[in-house]
Amino acid sequence: MQLCVAVFAQGEKKQQDLGASTQSSPTGQTGAGSGSAGMTAAKPGQADGKGNLQMLGGERRPLYRLNRSDVVTLSFTLSPEFDQMLTVQPDGYVFLKDAGAVLAYGLTLEEFRLAVRKAYTGYLHDPQVAVALKEFEHPYFVAGGEVGHPGKYELRTDTSIMEAVQIAGGFTHEAKHSQVVLFRHVNDDLVEARIFDMKKMLKEKSLSEIPSLRPGDLVFVPQNSISKIERFLSKPDLSMYVSSSQF
């Protein structure tokens, strides 16, 4: 039987003014973290019920990293004529007044502030700039396959895979509890896939071994058994299990 998942919709923009100060401190945190841009490969972790589970990579509480279509404002303390509002373009760049293009995609607010400061060093003496995040994609996860209500859900707090399934209406009668798959972006071209034996983990009460979701994760519950799945998949290879256009 063909597996299917809910379509990833475009993230809604949430109006909020979250800023990076002019001091070199890790401000600009938005709470739930960023998308896949800052992920690293998984490191060995605890074994699951199948004896081969490892925790997926990435910081537990990462700083927010700028995404395409995010809107930021720049405020110059001593040169307000350079104040501006910018939108991260599809190629990941923003275009600064009189200073040209600067890469923004994948940077934290503090990293972006330092990049802006560097870009204006030739125009302004000791530029002092503050960065504020005005619009951004609200963190979310997607649950698909054999769950009660497949779809896209807001990721407000630390949420485990099991909690995500419950939020999405729980398992259906046809669900394969022992092969819940977590798909996670490593970068724009690579996806990490891990299989969790939820049935055994619940029976053995080993819930502490279940990792928390990251923004943009896809929790997929199959109906049929998955005999084998590669640890890392390219977008084309992902289509063997789900439509790559949906993730």
Protein backbone atom coordinates (compact mmCIF):
# COMPACT_ATOMS: atom_id res chain seq x y z
CA MET A 1 0.00 0.00 0.00
CA GLN A 2 1.35 3.44 -0.91
CA LEU A 3 2.49 5.61 1.99
CA CYS A 4 1.40 9.22 2.10
CA VAL A 5 1.95 12.16 4.35
CA ALA A 6 0.43 15.55 4.91
CA VAL A 7 1.67 18.34 2.70
CA PHE A 8 4.02 20.85 4.21
CA ALA A 9 2.37 24.22 3.95
CA GLN A 10 4.17 27.50 3.96
CA GLY A 11 4.89 28.68 7.51
CA GLU A 12 2.81 31.56 8.71
CA LYS A 13 4.60 34.70 9.58
CA LYS A 14 4.29 35.85 13.14
CA GLN A 15 4.62 39.52 13.92
CA GLN A 16 7.12 40.01 16.69
CA ASP A 17 9.94 42.39 17.52
CA LEU A 18 12.87 40.37 18.78
CA GLY A 19 16.21 42.13 18.63
CA ALA A 20 19.93 41.63 18.75
CA SER A 21 21.56 44.33 20.84
CA THR A 22 24.57 46.31 19.77
CA GLN A 23 26.60 44.37 22.33
CA SER A 24 28.24 41.07 21.38
CA SER A 25 25.90 38.91 23.40
CA PRO A 26 23.75 35.94 22.27
CA THR A 27 20.46 37.82 22.06
CA GLY A 28 17.77 37.46 19.43
CA GLN A 29 16.52 34.11 20.72
CA THR A 30 12.98 33.28 19.65
CA GLY A 31 12.38 30.35 21.94
CA ALA A 32 11.72 27.31 19.79
CA GLY A 33 14.77 27.63 17.58
CA SER A 34 15.55 27.51 13.93
CA GLY A 35 15.05 25.35 11.00
CA SER A 36 17.45 22.93 9.56
CA ALA A 37 20.12 25.31 8.53
CA GLY A 38 22.21 24.90 11.64
CA MET A 39 21.97 21.12 12.03
CA THR A 40 24.87 18.73 12.27
CA ALA A 41 25.02 15.00 11.74
CA ALA A 42 23.78 12.83 14.58
CA LYS A 43 26.16 11.55 17.22
CA PRO A 44 25.89 8.13 18.80
CA GLY A 45 23.33 8.06 21.61
CA GLN A 46 21.19 5.67 23.55
CA ALA A 47 19.88 2.48 22.00
CA ASP A 48 16.17 2.09 21.38
CA GLY A 49 14.05 -1.04 21.53
CA LYS A 50 15.70 -2.26 18.32
CA GLY A 51 19.19 -1.67 19.71
CA ASN A 52 20.25 0.80 17.03
CA LEU A 53 18.69 4.13 17.89
CA GLN A 54 20.87 7.22 18.08
CA MET A 55 19.87 10.73 18.97
CA LEU A 56 19.58 12.97 15.96
CA GLY A 57 22.00 15.84 15.70
CA GLY A 58 21.54 19.51 16.58
CA GLU A 59 21.53 21.70 19.64
CA ARG A 60 18.72 21.13 22.13
CA ARG A 61 17.83 24.82 22.37
CA PRO A 62 19.49 26.53 19.41
CA LEU A 63 19.40 30.24 18.69
CA TYR A 64 17.04 31.25 15.92
CA ARG A 65 18.65 31.37 12.49
CA LEU A 66 17.34 33.56 9.73
CA ASN A 67 15.26 31.96 6.99
CA ARG A 68 14.19 33.09 3.56
CA SER A 69 11.39 35.70 3.66
CA ASP A 70 12.22 36.72 7.25
CA VAL A 71 12.01 40.47 7.82
CA VAL A 72 14.57 42.31 9.95
CA THR A 73 15.11 45.94 10.84
CA LEU A 74 18.45 47.68 11.29
CA SER A 75 18.80 50.62 13.67
CA PHE A 76 22.03 52.65 13.67
CA THR A 77 22.62 54.45 16.95
CA LEU A 78 24.79 57.25 15.54
CA SER A 79 23.62 57.21 11.91
CA PRO A 80 19.81 56.89 11.81
CA GLU A 81 19.80 57.76 8.10
CA PHE A 82 20.99 54.18 7.55
CA ASP A 83 18.06 52.65 9.43
CA GLN A 84 16.23 50.19 7.18
CA MET A 85 13.88 47.22 6.98
CA LEU A 86 15.08 44.20 5.00
CA THR A 87 13.60 40.96 3.70
CA VAL A 88 15.77 37.88 3.27
CA GLN A 89 15.60 37.04 -0.43
CA PRO A 90 15.15 33.53 -1.93
CA ASP A 91 18.91 33.35 -2.48
CA GLY A 92 19.52 34.06 1.22
CA TYR A 93 20.89 37.58 0.81
CA VAL A 94 19.70 41.02 1.88
CA PHE A 95 20.70 44.24 0.17
CA LEU A 96 22.02 46.94 2.48
CA LYS A 97 21.67 50.61 1.69
CA ASP A 98 24.95 51.78 0.12
CA ALA A 99 26.74 48.57 1.22
CA GLY A 100 25.43 45.93 -1.18
CA ALA A 101 24.49 42.30 -0.65
CA VAL A 102 25.13 40.45 2.61
CA LEU A 103 24.31 36.81 3.29
CA ALA A 104 21.64 36.49 6.01
CA TYR A 105 20.20 33.00 5.59
CA GLY A 106 21.34 30.58 8.30
CA LEU A 107 22.83 33.26 10.55
CA THR A 108 21.77 34.01 14.11
CA LEU A 109 20.76 37.61 14.76
CA GLU A 110 24.09 38.31 16.42
CA GLU A 111 26.04 36.79 13.52
CA PHE A 112 23.99 38.85 11.09
CA ARG A 113 24.54 42.02 13.16
CA LEU A 114 28.30 41.45 12.99
CA ALA A 115 28.07 40.89 9.22
CA VAL A 116 26.18 44.18 8.81
CA ARG A 117 28.68 45.98 11.01
CA LYS A 118 31.54 44.64 8.88
CA ALA A 119 29.78 45.66 5.65
CA TYR A 120 29.41 49.25 6.85
CA THR A 121 32.91 49.61 8.29
CA GLY A 122 34.09 51.26 5.06
CA TYR A 123 31.18 53.73 5.12
CA LEU A 124 30.79 54.55 8.80
CA HIS A 125 33.31 55.03 11.57
CA ASP A 126 32.73 52.37 14.23
CA PRO A 127 29.15 51.56 13.12
CA GLN A 128 26.82 50.71 16.01
CA VAL A 129 23.83 48.75 14.77
CA ALA A 130 20.99 46.81 16.38
CA VAL A 131 19.07 44.09 14.55
CA ALA A 132 15.42 43.30 15.27
CA LEU A 133 13.50 40.35 13.88
CA LYS A 134 10.09 41.62 12.75
CA GLU A 135 8.58 38.67 10.87
CA PHE A 136 9.59 35.05 10.93
CA GLU A 137 8.32 31.55 10.29
CA HIS A 138 6.76 30.17 13.44
CA PRO A 139 8.33 26.83 14.48
CA TYR A 140 6.26 23.81 13.45
CA PHE A 141 6.33 20.07 12.87
CA VAL A 142 4.33 17.87 10.52
CA ALA A 143 2.71 14.54 11.38
CA GLY A 144 1.75 12.23 8.54
CA GLY A 145 0.74 8.71 7.70
CA GLU A 146 -1.34 6.62 10.08
CA VAL A 147 -2.26 9.28 12.67
CA GLY A 148 -5.72 10.51 13.51
CA HIS A 149 -5.28 14.02 12.11
CA PRO A 150 -2.32 14.36 9.73
CA GLY A 151 -1.14 17.92 9.30
CA LYS A 152 1.07 20.77 10.36
CA TYR A 153 1.26 21.72 14.04
CA GLU A 154 2.81 24.57 15.98
CA LEU A 155 5.90 23.59 17.95
CA ARG A 156 5.60 25.69 21.10
CA THR A 157 7.56 23.68 23.68
CA ASP A 158 9.80 20.64 23.90
CA THR A 159 7.80 17.90 22.20
CA SER A 160 8.80 14.26 21.80
CA ILE A 161 7.84 12.05 18.88
CA MET A 162 5.25 10.27 21.01
CA GLU A 163 3.75 13.60 22.10
CA ALA A 164 3.67 14.69 18.46
CA VAL A 165 1.68 11.57 17.54
CA GLN A 166 -0.76 12.28 20.38
CA ILE A 167 -1.14 15.91 19.28
CA ALA A 168 -1.96 14.63 15.79
CA GLY A 169 -4.77 12.42 17.08
CA GLY A 170 -2.84 9.29 18.05
CA PHE A 171 -2.19 6.12 16.07
CA THR A 172 -4.84 4.70 13.76
CA HIS A 173 -5.75 1.02 13.93
CA GLU A 174 -3.56 0.37 10.87
CA ALA A 175 -0.48 2.14 12.28
CA LYS A 176 2.86 0.34 12.49
CA HIS A 177 3.80 1.37 16.06
CA SER A 178 7.20 -0.29 15.85
CA GLN A 179 8.43 1.73 12.87
CA VAL A 180 7.68 5.41 13.44
CA VAL A 181 9.99 7.41 11.20
CA LEU A 182 11.45 10.83 12.00
CA PHE A 183 12.65 12.80 8.97
CA ARG A 184 14.88 15.79 9.73
CA HIS A 185 16.61 18.25 7.41
CA VAL A 186 20.40 18.25 7.62
CA ASN A 187 20.69 20.87 4.89
CA ASP A 188 18.80 21.94 1.77
CA ASP A 189 19.67 18.71 -0.04
CA LEU A 190 20.05 16.08 2.68
CA VAL A 191 17.51 14.54 5.08
CA GLU A 192 18.23 12.34 8.08
CA ALA A 193 15.81 9.47 8.73
CA ARG A 194 15.52 7.36 11.90
CA ILE A 195 13.12 4.60 12.83
CA PHE A 196 11.73 4.40 16.37
CA ASP A 197 10.20 1.28 17.89
CA MET A 198 7.54 3.08 19.89
CA LYS A 199 5.74 -0.11 20.82
CA LYS A 200 8.77 -1.58 22.55
CA MET A 201 9.89 1.72 24.08
CA LEU A 202 6.47 2.21 25.66
CA LYS A 203 6.43 -1.34 26.94
CA GLU A 204 9.88 -0.95 28.50
CA LYS A 205 9.10 2.61 29.67
CA SER A 206 12.27 3.93 28.02
CA LEU A 207 10.69 7.25 27.07
CA SER A 208 13.75 9.24 28.12
CA GLU A 209 15.53 7.88 25.04
CA ILE A 210 13.06 9.54 22.68
CA PRO A 211 14.54 12.81 21.29
CA SER A 212 12.63 16.05 21.15
CA LEU A 213 11.45 17.42 17.84
CA ARG A 214 13.16 20.25 16.03
CA PRO A 215 11.33 22.87 13.92
CA GLY A 216 10.50 21.48 10.50
CA ASP A 217 10.64 17.81 11.55
CA LEU A 218 8.31 15.29 9.92
CA VAL A 219 6.94 12.43 12.04
CA PHE A 220 5.68 9.69 9.74
CA VAL A 221 3.74 6.62 10.87
CA PRO A 222 3.62 3.91 8.17
CA GLN A 223 0.95 1.29 7.65
CA ASN A 224 3.25 -1.33 6.17
CA SER A 225 6.62 -2.52 7.44
CA ILE A 226 9.68 -0.66 6.20
CA SER A 227 12.34 -3.29 5.59
CA LYS A 228 15.25 -0.86 5.30
CA ILE A 229 15.87 2.86 5.25
CA GLU A 230 19.14 4.69 4.81
CA ARG A 231 20.39 6.91 7.62
CA PHE A 232 20.83 9.88 5.29
CA LEU A 233 18.72 10.48 2.21
CA SER A 234 18.87 12.97 -0.62
CA LYS A 235 15.64 14.68 -1.59
CA PRO A 236 15.19 12.34 -4.62
CA ASP A 237 15.81 9.24 -2.47
CA LEU A 238 13.23 10.45 0.03
CA SER A 239 10.56 9.96 -2.62
CA MET A 240 10.86 6.21 -2.05
CA TYR A 241 8.97 6.73 1.20
CA VAL A 242 7.22 10.09 0.89
CA SER A 243 6.90 12.79 -1.74
CA SER A 244 9.98 15.02 -1.49
CA SER A 245 7.85 17.97 -2.56
CA GLN A 246 5.89 17.55 0.67
CA PHE A 247 8.92 17.88 2.95
